[in-house]
Amino acid sequence: MNRIPALDPASFSEEQKTLVGEWTYLEFSRVLINSPRMYGTFVPWLKELIAETALSPRDRQIVCLRMLELCGDVYEKTHHVVISRKCGLSEPEITAFISGEGDALTDEDRDVLGACGELYRDQRIGDGTWQRLSQRYSQEQLMELVFLAGCYQTMAMLTKSFDIKLEPDLESFNELRDYAEEV
């Protein structure tokens, strides 16, 4: 059982229904909506970082997968494996992004992975990594990389602290696959 219960959408208040919208199939949404105020703050920020990012889908997924792995998250990492496949990433790429090593990685991938490791370990991208990233990223993209890494470290804290379980049925997971096609 979750530490914070996943609410039944049938019991949502009008405010909760409005905030969650179509995402009722996600255990994450059904747990976080216990605090409409926090849901209304955190989820739009998350959506902005994922759907509206200035980073490429590949780089976005490197950051998400690696940070979630470093944090020991299962829930969100499982979702981002599905999203990564929908973004056209191969299984060897996904495995390499999670582990931080492998033949599927480019030098640019390794720089992003290095930034993730540094952010996780030191809460700061080191000067050398920053310099390499700044040769291909705009200032906005550099900032978004840090925001995204921090967001997914927070996601791991939420899913693990609240003990959020994977969606229990195939129908919910198929809805996740459909959503992944949109991002």
Protein backbone atom coordinates (compact mmCIF):
# COMPACT_ATOMS: atom_id res chain seq x y z
CA MET A 1 0.00 0.00 0.00
CA ASN A 2 1.21 3.50 -0.82
CA ARG A 3 2.21 5.74 2.08
CA ILE A 4 0.02 8.36 0.40
CA PRO A 5 -3.05 6.64 -1.08
CA ALA A 6 -3.83 6.77 -4.78
CA LEU A 7 -7.28 8.35 -4.91
CA ASP A 8 -10.10 6.85 -6.91
CA PRO A 9 -10.97 9.34 -9.67
CA ALA A 10 -14.65 8.82 -8.84
CA SER A 11 -14.01 10.50 -5.49
CA PHE A 12 -12.15 13.53 -6.90
CA SER A 13 -13.42 16.96 -5.97
CA GLU A 14 -14.16 19.32 -8.85
CA GLU A 15 -10.78 20.98 -8.26
CA GLN A 16 -9.00 17.62 -8.39
CA LYS A 17 -10.83 16.63 -11.58
CA THR A 18 -9.83 19.89 -13.24
CA LEU A 19 -6.19 19.60 -12.19
CA VAL A 20 -5.69 15.95 -13.14
CA GLY A 21 -7.65 16.08 -16.39
CA GLU A 22 -6.96 13.01 -18.52
CA TRP A 23 -4.06 11.78 -16.37
CA THR A 24 -6.28 9.76 -14.00
CA TYR A 25 -4.67 6.52 -15.23
CA LEU A 26 -1.32 7.49 -13.66
CA GLU A 27 -0.73 6.35 -10.10
CA PHE A 28 1.54 9.40 -9.77
CA SER A 29 -1.35 11.79 -10.51
CA ARG A 30 -3.74 9.90 -8.28
CA VAL A 31 -1.28 10.13 -5.37
CA LEU A 32 -0.10 13.72 -5.89
CA ILE A 33 -3.65 15.04 -6.19
CA ASN A 34 -4.00 14.44 -2.45
CA SER A 35 -2.41 17.91 -2.34
CA PRO A 36 -4.15 19.94 -5.04
CA ARG A 37 -1.96 22.95 -4.25
CA MET A 38 1.27 21.04 -4.80
CA TYR A 39 -0.16 19.20 -7.82
CA GLY A 40 -1.14 22.53 -9.34
CA THR A 41 2.40 23.83 -8.84
CA PHE A 42 4.56 20.81 -9.63
CA VAL A 43 2.79 19.13 -12.56
CA PRO A 44 2.64 22.23 -14.82
CA TRP A 45 6.37 22.75 -14.18
CA LEU A 46 7.02 19.10 -15.03
CA LYS A 47 4.93 19.37 -18.20
CA GLU A 48 6.81 22.52 -19.24
CA LEU A 49 10.15 20.77 -18.78
CA ILE A 50 9.10 17.67 -20.70
CA ALA A 51 6.78 18.86 -23.45
CA GLU A 52 8.17 22.34 -24.06
CA THR A 53 11.87 21.81 -23.47
CA ALA A 54 14.50 23.40 -25.70
CA LEU A 55 16.52 20.17 -25.40
CA SER A 56 16.21 17.48 -28.04
CA PRO A 57 14.02 14.48 -27.12
CA ARG A 58 17.20 12.35 -27.04
CA ASP A 59 18.98 14.65 -24.60
CA ARG A 60 15.83 15.04 -22.51
CA GLN A 61 15.58 11.27 -22.19
CA ILE A 62 19.27 10.91 -21.33
CA VAL A 63 18.78 13.30 -18.41
CA CYS A 64 15.55 11.69 -17.22
CA LEU A 65 16.77 8.10 -17.42
CA ARG A 66 20.19 8.71 -15.91
CA MET A 67 18.96 10.87 -13.02
CA LEU A 68 16.24 8.35 -12.21
CA GLU A 69 18.78 5.53 -12.25
CA LEU A 70 21.22 7.44 -10.05
CA CYS A 71 18.37 8.07 -7.59
CA GLY A 72 17.26 4.43 -7.61
CA ASP A 73 13.77 5.22 -8.93
CA VAL A 74 11.67 2.47 -10.51
CA TYR A 75 8.30 4.11 -11.19
CA GLU A 76 9.36 7.06 -13.33
CA LYS A 77 12.28 5.21 -14.93
CA THR A 78 9.86 2.51 -16.15
CA HIS A 79 7.67 5.23 -17.67
CA HIS A 80 10.65 6.93 -19.30
CA VAL A 81 11.81 3.70 -20.90
CA VAL A 82 8.41 3.59 -22.63
CA ILE A 83 8.67 7.27 -23.58
CA SER A 84 12.22 6.72 -24.88
CA ARG A 85 11.04 3.93 -27.17
CA LYS A 86 8.29 6.19 -28.50
CA CYS A 87 10.94 8.85 -29.18
CA GLY A 88 12.69 6.35 -31.47
CA LEU A 89 15.56 5.44 -29.17
CA SER A 90 16.95 1.93 -29.47
CA GLU A 91 17.24 -0.59 -26.65
CA PRO A 92 21.07 -0.30 -26.63
CA GLU A 93 20.74 3.50 -26.35
CA ILE A 94 18.22 3.26 -23.52
CA THR A 95 20.39 0.76 -21.67
CA ALA A 96 23.44 2.99 -22.13
CA PHE A 97 21.59 6.09 -20.92
CA ILE A 98 20.49 4.26 -17.79
CA SER A 99 23.89 2.71 -17.02
CA GLY A 100 25.97 5.66 -18.16
CA GLU A 101 28.13 3.50 -20.39
CA GLY A 102 28.04 1.54 -23.63
CA ASP A 103 28.92 1.54 -27.30
CA ALA A 104 25.66 3.29 -28.23
CA LEU A 105 26.84 6.54 -26.59
CA THR A 106 28.21 9.46 -28.58
CA ASP A 107 30.70 11.94 -27.13
CA GLU A 108 27.80 14.39 -26.77
CA ASP A 109 25.79 11.76 -24.87
CA ARG A 110 28.74 11.23 -22.54
CA ASP A 111 28.86 14.97 -21.80
CA VAL A 112 25.16 14.96 -20.86
CA LEU A 113 25.66 11.85 -18.73
CA GLY A 114 28.66 13.49 -17.09
CA ALA A 115 26.57 16.54 -16.27
CA CYS A 116 23.94 14.28 -14.69
CA GLY A 117 26.54 12.56 -12.54
CA GLU A 118 28.03 15.86 -11.44
CA LEU A 119 24.62 17.33 -10.64
CA TYR A 120 23.68 14.25 -8.64
CA ARG A 121 26.99 14.09 -6.79
CA ASP A 122 27.94 17.78 -6.42
CA GLN A 123 24.74 19.68 -7.29
CA ARG A 124 26.87 21.53 -9.86
CA ILE A 125 28.06 20.86 -13.38
CA GLY A 126 31.86 21.00 -13.37
CA ASP A 127 33.72 23.60 -15.42
CA GLY A 128 35.04 21.16 -18.03
CA THR A 129 31.65 19.59 -18.64
CA TRP A 130 30.00 23.01 -18.72
CA GLN A 131 32.50 24.20 -21.31
CA ARG A 132 31.90 21.19 -23.57
CA LEU A 133 28.12 21.49 -23.26
CA SER A 134 28.21 25.22 -23.94
CA GLN A 135 29.78 24.52 -27.33
CA ARG A 136 26.52 22.97 -28.50
CA TYR A 137 23.87 24.24 -26.12
CA SER A 138 22.40 27.70 -25.82
CA GLN A 139 22.23 29.37 -22.43
CA GLU A 140 18.56 28.40 -22.23
CA GLN A 141 19.36 24.74 -22.95
CA LEU A 142 22.11 24.70 -20.31
CA MET A 143 19.67 26.06 -17.78
CA GLU A 144 16.97 23.57 -18.79
CA LEU A 145 19.37 20.67 -18.42
CA VAL A 146 19.90 21.67 -14.76
CA PHE A 147 16.17 22.25 -14.19
CA LEU A 148 15.32 18.89 -15.77
CA ALA A 149 17.93 16.98 -13.75
CA GLY A 150 16.68 18.62 -10.56
CA CYS A 151 13.07 17.91 -11.43
CA TYR A 152 13.77 14.22 -11.94
CA GLN A 153 15.75 13.98 -8.73
CA THR A 154 12.67 15.47 -7.06
CA MET A 155 10.46 12.99 -8.94
CA ALA A 156 12.50 10.14 -7.48
CA MET A 157 12.10 11.60 -4.01
CA LEU A 158 8.33 11.81 -4.48
CA THR A 159 7.78 8.36 -5.96
CA LYS A 160 10.03 6.65 -3.43
CA SER A 161 8.89 8.58 -0.34
CA PHE A 162 5.20 8.22 -1.21
CA ASP A 163 5.81 4.57 -2.22
CA ILE A 164 4.07 5.02 -5.58
CA LYS A 165 3.57 1.70 -7.35
CA LEU A 166 3.52 1.04 -11.07
CA GLU A 167 0.10 1.10 -12.69
CA PRO A 168 -1.45 -2.29 -11.93
CA ASP A 169 -3.19 -2.96 -15.21
CA LEU A 170 -2.32 -3.12 -18.87
CA GLU A 171 -5.01 -0.62 -19.83
CA SER A 172 -3.39 2.12 -17.74
CA PHE A 173 0.03 1.30 -19.09
CA ASN A 174 -1.30 1.43 -22.65
CA GLU A 175 -2.62 4.91 -21.94
CA LEU A 176 0.92 5.83 -20.91
CA ARG A 177 2.17 4.51 -24.24
CA ASP A 178 -0.39 6.66 -26.04
CA TYR A 179 0.73 9.70 -24.05
CA ALA A 180 4.38 8.95 -24.86
CA GLU A 181 3.60 9.37 -28.54
CA GLU A 182 2.71 13.01 -27.83
CA VAL A 183 6.02 14.01 -26.17
